[in-house]
Amino acid sequence: MKTKGNLISLISVIFILLVGMTALAFTPLAPKSNVDVSQIPLNEALVMGDANALKKVIVFTDPDCSYCGKLHEEINKIVSTRTDIVFFIKLYPLPRHGKIINKNLS
C-alpha cells in the first residue's frame, strides 16, 4: 500500500532528524519530562491538511534545513492522500541557519 510506504518514509525521516538534533542540542542529555501538547499554541502554525482531522501532528521544523525539506516533501505526499491527518508546522530555526524572523514576516 502506497500510503503505508509514505508513512514509513515519514517515520524514518523523523527518526533521523530526532537522532541528529539530539546529538547536536543535548550535551549532556536533560532529564526526561512530559509535555502537555495542549499547551503548544497552534494559532500561528502553518496547517497542512484538514485542520479538523482526527489525527494531529505538531512538527517543529527549520525551513533552511535540508533534512527538514525532505520531511516537508513526505508531509505533502501524506496530506495529498489522507484526509484523516493534519500537520501543524511550527518554525523552529536551528542556530547554525541564522535568524528566521524575516521568513515569519513574509
N, C-alpha and C. Protein backbone atom coordinates (compact mmCIF):
# COMPACT_ATOMS: atom_id res chain seq x y z
N MET A 1 0.84 -1.18 0.00
CA MET A 1 0.00 0.00 0.00
C MET A 1 0.89 1.24 0.00
N LYS A 2 0.65 2.16 -0.94
CA LYS A 2 1.49 3.34 -1.10
C LYS A 2 1.46 4.24 0.13
N THR A 3 0.31 4.42 0.73
CA THR A 3 0.18 5.29 1.90
C THR A 3 1.03 4.75 3.05
N LYS A 4 1.05 3.44 3.22
CA LYS A 4 1.86 2.84 4.28
C LYS A 4 3.34 3.12 4.03
N GLY A 5 3.77 3.06 2.76
CA GLY A 5 5.16 3.37 2.42
C GLY A 5 5.50 4.81 2.73
N ASN A 6 4.58 5.73 2.43
CA ASN A 6 4.80 7.15 2.74
C ASN A 6 4.93 7.36 4.24
N LEU A 7 4.09 6.67 5.01
CA LEU A 7 4.12 6.82 6.46
C LEU A 7 5.44 6.27 7.01
N ILE A 8 5.90 5.15 6.47
CA ILE A 8 7.18 4.57 6.91
C ILE A 8 8.31 5.53 6.56
N SER A 9 8.27 6.13 5.36
CA SER A 9 9.29 7.11 4.98
C SER A 9 9.29 8.30 5.93
N LEU A 10 8.10 8.79 6.27
CA LEU A 10 7.97 9.91 7.18
C LEU A 10 8.56 9.58 8.55
N ILE A 11 8.22 8.41 9.05
CA ILE A 11 8.75 7.98 10.36
C ILE A 11 10.26 7.88 10.31
N SER A 12 10.81 7.38 9.20
CA SER A 12 12.26 7.26 9.06
C SER A 12 12.92 8.63 9.08
N VAL A 13 12.34 9.59 8.35
CA VAL A 13 12.90 10.94 8.31
C VAL A 13 12.83 11.58 9.69
N ILE A 14 11.70 11.43 10.37
CA ILE A 14 11.55 12.00 11.71
C ILE A 14 12.60 11.39 12.65
N PHE A 15 12.80 10.08 12.57
CA PHE A 15 13.79 9.42 13.42
C PHE A 15 15.18 9.97 13.15
N ILE A 16 15.54 10.13 11.87
CA ILE A 16 16.85 10.66 11.53
C ILE A 16 17.00 12.07 12.07
N LEU A 17 15.95 12.89 11.92
CA LEU A 17 16.00 14.26 12.43
C LEU A 17 16.17 14.28 13.94
N LEU A 18 15.41 13.45 14.62
CA LEU A 18 15.48 13.43 16.08
C LEU A 18 16.84 12.98 16.57
N VAL A 19 17.40 11.96 15.93
CA VAL A 19 18.72 11.48 16.33
C VAL A 19 19.77 12.56 16.09
N GLY A 20 19.71 13.21 14.92
CA GLY A 20 20.67 14.26 14.60
C GLY A 20 20.54 15.46 15.51
N MET A 21 19.31 15.89 15.76
CA MET A 21 19.10 17.06 16.61
C MET A 21 19.45 16.75 18.06
N THR A 22 19.19 15.52 18.50
CA THR A 22 19.54 15.15 19.86
C THR A 22 21.05 15.22 20.05
N ALA A 23 21.79 14.73 19.06
CA ALA A 23 23.24 14.76 19.16
C ALA A 23 23.76 16.19 19.20
N LEU A 24 23.11 17.10 18.47
CA LEU A 24 23.55 18.49 18.42
C LEU A 24 23.11 19.30 19.64
N ALA A 25 21.88 19.10 20.06
CA ALA A 25 21.27 20.01 21.01
C ALA A 25 21.44 19.63 22.48
N PHE A 26 21.62 18.38 22.77
CA PHE A 26 21.59 17.95 24.17
C PHE A 26 22.94 17.37 24.59
N THR A 27 23.75 18.22 25.20
CA THR A 27 25.00 17.76 25.76
C THR A 27 25.17 18.39 27.12
N PRO A 28 25.04 17.72 28.21
CA PRO A 28 24.53 16.36 28.37
C PRO A 28 23.02 16.32 28.23
N LEU A 29 22.47 15.13 28.14
CA LEU A 29 21.03 14.97 27.99
C LEU A 29 20.28 15.47 29.22
N ALA A 30 19.22 16.19 28.96
CA ALA A 30 18.38 16.70 30.05
C ALA A 30 17.50 15.56 30.57
N PRO A 31 17.06 15.66 31.82
CA PRO A 31 16.15 14.63 32.33
C PRO A 31 14.86 14.59 31.51
N LYS A 32 14.30 13.42 31.38
CA LYS A 32 13.07 13.23 30.62
C LYS A 32 11.92 13.94 31.33
N SER A 33 11.10 14.64 30.53
CA SER A 33 9.93 15.29 31.10
C SER A 33 8.76 15.12 30.14
N ASN A 34 7.57 15.15 30.68
CA ASN A 34 6.37 15.04 29.86
C ASN A 34 5.97 16.42 29.37
N VAL A 35 5.42 16.45 28.16
CA VAL A 35 4.97 17.70 27.56
C VAL A 35 3.47 17.63 27.37
N ASP A 36 2.78 18.64 27.83
CA ASP A 36 1.34 18.74 27.61
C ASP A 36 1.14 19.46 26.28
N VAL A 37 0.89 18.69 25.20
CA VAL A 37 0.79 19.27 23.87
C VAL A 37 -0.37 20.24 23.73
N SER A 38 -1.36 20.15 24.61
CA SER A 38 -2.47 21.10 24.55
C SER A 38 -2.00 22.52 24.89
N GLN A 39 -0.81 22.65 25.48
CA GLN A 39 -0.27 23.96 25.84
C GLN A 39 0.57 24.57 24.72
N ILE A 40 0.76 23.85 23.62
CA ILE A 40 1.52 24.38 22.49
C ILE A 40 0.57 25.21 21.63
N PRO A 41 0.83 26.51 21.49
CA PRO A 41 -0.09 27.35 20.71
C PRO A 41 0.00 27.01 19.22
N LEU A 42 -1.14 26.75 18.62
CA LEU A 42 -1.18 26.38 17.21
C LEU A 42 -1.82 27.45 16.34
N ASN A 43 -2.24 28.56 16.95
CA ASN A 43 -2.95 29.59 16.19
C ASN A 43 -2.09 30.23 15.11
N GLU A 44 -0.76 30.23 15.24
CA GLU A 44 0.12 30.80 14.23
C GLU A 44 0.88 29.74 13.45
N ALA A 45 0.54 28.48 13.65
CA ALA A 45 1.23 27.40 12.94
C ALA A 45 0.73 27.32 11.50
N LEU A 46 1.61 26.88 10.61
CA LEU A 46 1.20 26.57 9.25
C LEU A 46 0.42 25.26 9.32
N VAL A 47 -0.66 25.16 8.57
CA VAL A 47 -1.50 23.97 8.62
C VAL A 47 -1.43 23.25 7.27
N MET A 48 -1.07 21.98 7.32
CA MET A 48 -1.06 21.14 6.12
C MET A 48 -2.06 20.02 6.35
N GLY A 49 -3.14 20.02 5.57
CA GLY A 49 -4.21 19.05 5.75
C GLY A 49 -5.43 19.74 6.33
N ASP A 50 -6.42 18.93 6.64
CA ASP A 50 -7.68 19.43 7.20
C ASP A 50 -7.49 19.71 8.69
N ALA A 51 -7.62 20.96 9.09
CA ALA A 51 -7.40 21.35 10.49
C ALA A 51 -8.30 20.61 11.45
N ASN A 52 -9.41 20.05 10.96
CA ASN A 52 -10.34 19.32 11.83
C ASN A 52 -10.12 17.80 11.79
N ALA A 53 -9.04 17.37 11.18
CA ALA A 53 -8.76 15.93 11.08
C ALA A 53 -8.60 15.32 12.47
N LEU A 54 -8.90 14.03 12.58
CA LEU A 54 -8.83 13.34 13.87
C LEU A 54 -7.39 13.17 14.37
N LYS A 55 -6.46 12.93 13.45
CA LYS A 55 -5.06 12.71 13.84
C LYS A 55 -4.28 14.00 13.61
N LYS A 56 -3.63 14.49 14.67
CA LYS A 56 -2.91 15.75 14.63
C LYS A 56 -1.44 15.52 14.95
N VAL A 57 -0.58 16.13 14.14
CA VAL A 57 0.87 16.02 14.35
C VAL A 57 1.43 17.43 14.39
N ILE A 58 2.19 17.74 15.43
CA ILE A 58 2.87 19.03 15.53
C ILE A 58 4.32 18.81 15.13
N VAL A 59 4.77 19.57 14.14
CA VAL A 59 6.13 19.42 13.62
C VAL A 59 6.89 20.72 13.86
N PHE A 60 8.02 20.63 14.55
CA PHE A 60 8.92 21.77 14.72
C PHE A 60 9.99 21.62 13.65
N THR A 61 10.13 22.63 12.79
CA THR A 61 11.00 22.48 11.63
C THR A 61 11.75 23.76 11.31
N ASP A 62 12.88 23.60 10.67
CA ASP A 62 13.69 24.71 10.19
C ASP A 62 13.63 24.69 8.66
N PRO A 63 13.04 25.73 8.03
CA PRO A 63 12.91 25.72 6.58
C PRO A 63 14.25 25.76 5.84
N ASP A 64 15.34 26.11 6.51
CA ASP A 64 16.65 26.13 5.87
C ASP A 64 17.40 24.80 6.03
N CYS A 65 16.80 23.85 6.70
CA CYS A 65 17.43 22.54 6.95
C CYS A 65 17.08 21.59 5.80
N SER A 66 18.09 21.01 5.17
CA SER A 66 17.83 20.12 4.03
C SER A 66 17.10 18.85 4.47
N TYR A 67 17.38 18.36 5.65
CA TYR A 67 16.67 17.17 6.13
C TYR A 67 15.20 17.50 6.42
N CYS A 68 14.96 18.69 6.96
CA CYS A 68 13.58 19.13 7.19
C CYS A 68 12.85 19.25 5.85
N GLY A 69 13.55 19.71 4.81
CA GLY A 69 12.96 19.81 3.48
C GLY A 69 12.47 18.47 2.99
N LYS A 70 13.23 17.42 3.27
CA LYS A 70 12.80 16.06 2.89
C LYS A 70 11.54 15.67 3.66
N LEU A 71 11.49 16.06 4.91
CA LEU A 71 10.30 15.79 5.71
C LEU A 71 9.09 16.52 5.13
N HIS A 72 9.28 17.76 4.70
CA HIS A 72 8.18 18.54 4.11
C HIS A 72 7.63 17.85 2.87
N GLU A 73 8.52 17.27 2.05
CA GLU A 73 8.08 16.53 0.86
C GLU A 73 7.21 15.34 1.26
N GLU A 74 7.61 14.64 2.29
CA GLU A 74 6.83 13.47 2.75
C GLU A 74 5.48 13.90 3.31
N ILE A 75 5.46 15.01 4.03
CA ILE A 75 4.19 15.52 4.56
C ILE A 75 3.25 15.85 3.41
N ASN A 76 3.77 16.50 2.37
CA ASN A 76 2.94 16.81 1.20
C ASN A 76 2.34 15.55 0.60
N LYS A 77 3.12 14.49 0.49
CA LYS A 77 2.62 13.23 -0.06
C LYS A 77 1.49 12.67 0.81
N ILE A 78 1.68 12.74 2.11
CA ILE A 78 0.69 12.17 3.03
C ILE A 78 -0.62 12.94 2.97
N VAL A 79 -0.55 14.27 3.05
CA VAL A 79 -1.80 15.05 3.06
C VAL A 79 -2.51 15.02 1.72
N SER A 80 -1.80 14.68 0.65
CA SER A 80 -2.47 14.58 -0.65
C SER A 80 -3.29 13.30 -0.77
N THR A 81 -3.01 12.32 0.08
CA THR A 81 -3.73 11.04 0.00
C THR A 81 -4.57 10.73 1.23
N ARG A 82 -4.35 11.47 2.31
CA ARG A 82 -5.07 11.17 3.56
C ARG A 82 -5.81 12.40 4.05
N THR A 83 -7.08 12.22 4.41
CA THR A 83 -7.86 13.33 4.95
C THR A 83 -8.02 13.23 6.46
N ASP A 84 -7.51 12.16 7.05
CA ASP A 84 -7.68 11.94 8.49
C ASP A 84 -6.51 12.46 9.33
N ILE A 85 -5.55 13.15 8.68
CA ILE A 85 -4.38 13.62 9.41
C ILE A 85 -4.08 15.07 9.04
N VAL A 86 -3.68 15.84 10.04
CA VAL A 86 -3.28 17.23 9.82
C VAL A 86 -1.91 17.44 10.48
N PHE A 87 -1.10 18.25 9.83
CA PHE A 87 0.21 18.61 10.35
C PHE A 87 0.21 20.10 10.68
N PHE A 88 0.54 20.43 11.91
CA PHE A 88 0.71 21.81 12.33
C PHE A 88 2.21 22.08 12.33
N ILE A 89 2.64 22.99 11.47
CA ILE A 89 4.06 23.25 11.29
C ILE A 89 4.46 24.49 12.09
N LYS A 90 5.39 24.28 13.02
CA LYS A 90 5.93 25.37 13.84
C LYS A 90 7.37 25.62 13.38
N LEU A 91 7.67 26.86 13.02
CA LEU A 91 9.02 27.19 12.57
C LEU A 91 9.96 27.27 13.77
N TYR A 92 11.03 26.50 13.68
CA TYR A 92 12.00 26.41 14.77
C TYR A 92 13.40 26.38 14.15
N PRO A 93 14.00 27.56 13.98
CA PRO A 93 15.30 27.62 13.30
C PRO A 93 16.42 27.01 14.13
N LEU A 94 17.29 26.30 13.45
CA LEU A 94 18.50 25.81 14.10
C LEU A 94 19.49 26.97 14.15
N PRO A 95 20.26 27.10 15.23
CA PRO A 95 21.17 28.25 15.38
C PRO A 95 22.13 28.43 14.21
N ARG A 96 22.57 27.37 13.60
CA ARG A 96 23.55 27.50 12.52
C ARG A 96 22.94 28.04 11.22
N HIS A 97 21.61 28.13 11.14
CA HIS A 97 20.97 28.64 9.94
C HIS A 97 20.57 30.10 10.06
N GLY A 98 20.94 30.76 11.13
CA GLY A 98 20.66 32.18 11.27
C GLY A 98 19.26 32.46 11.76
N LYS A 99 18.88 33.70 11.63
CA LYS A 99 17.58 34.15 12.13
C LYS A 99 16.48 33.83 11.13
N ILE A 100 15.30 33.54 11.66
CA ILE A 100 14.16 33.20 10.82
C ILE A 100 13.09 34.28 10.85
N ILE A 101 13.37 35.36 11.53
CA ILE A 101 12.35 36.41 11.71
C ILE A 101 11.81 36.88 10.36
N ASN A 102 12.68 37.11 9.38
CA ASN A 102 12.21 37.59 8.08
C ASN A 102 11.29 36.59 7.40
N LYS A 103 11.50 35.31 7.57
CA LYS A 103 10.65 34.31 6.96
C LYS A 103 9.28 34.29 7.64
N ASN A 104 9.23 34.54 8.94
CA ASN A 104 7.95 34.59 9.63
C ASN A 104 7.12 35.78 9.17
N LEU A 105 7.76 36.86 8.81
CA LEU A 105 7.05 38.05 8.40
C LEU A 105 6.59 38.01 6.96
N SER A 106 7.21 37.16 6.13
CA SER A 106 6.85 37.13 4.71
C SER A 106 5.72 36.19 4.41
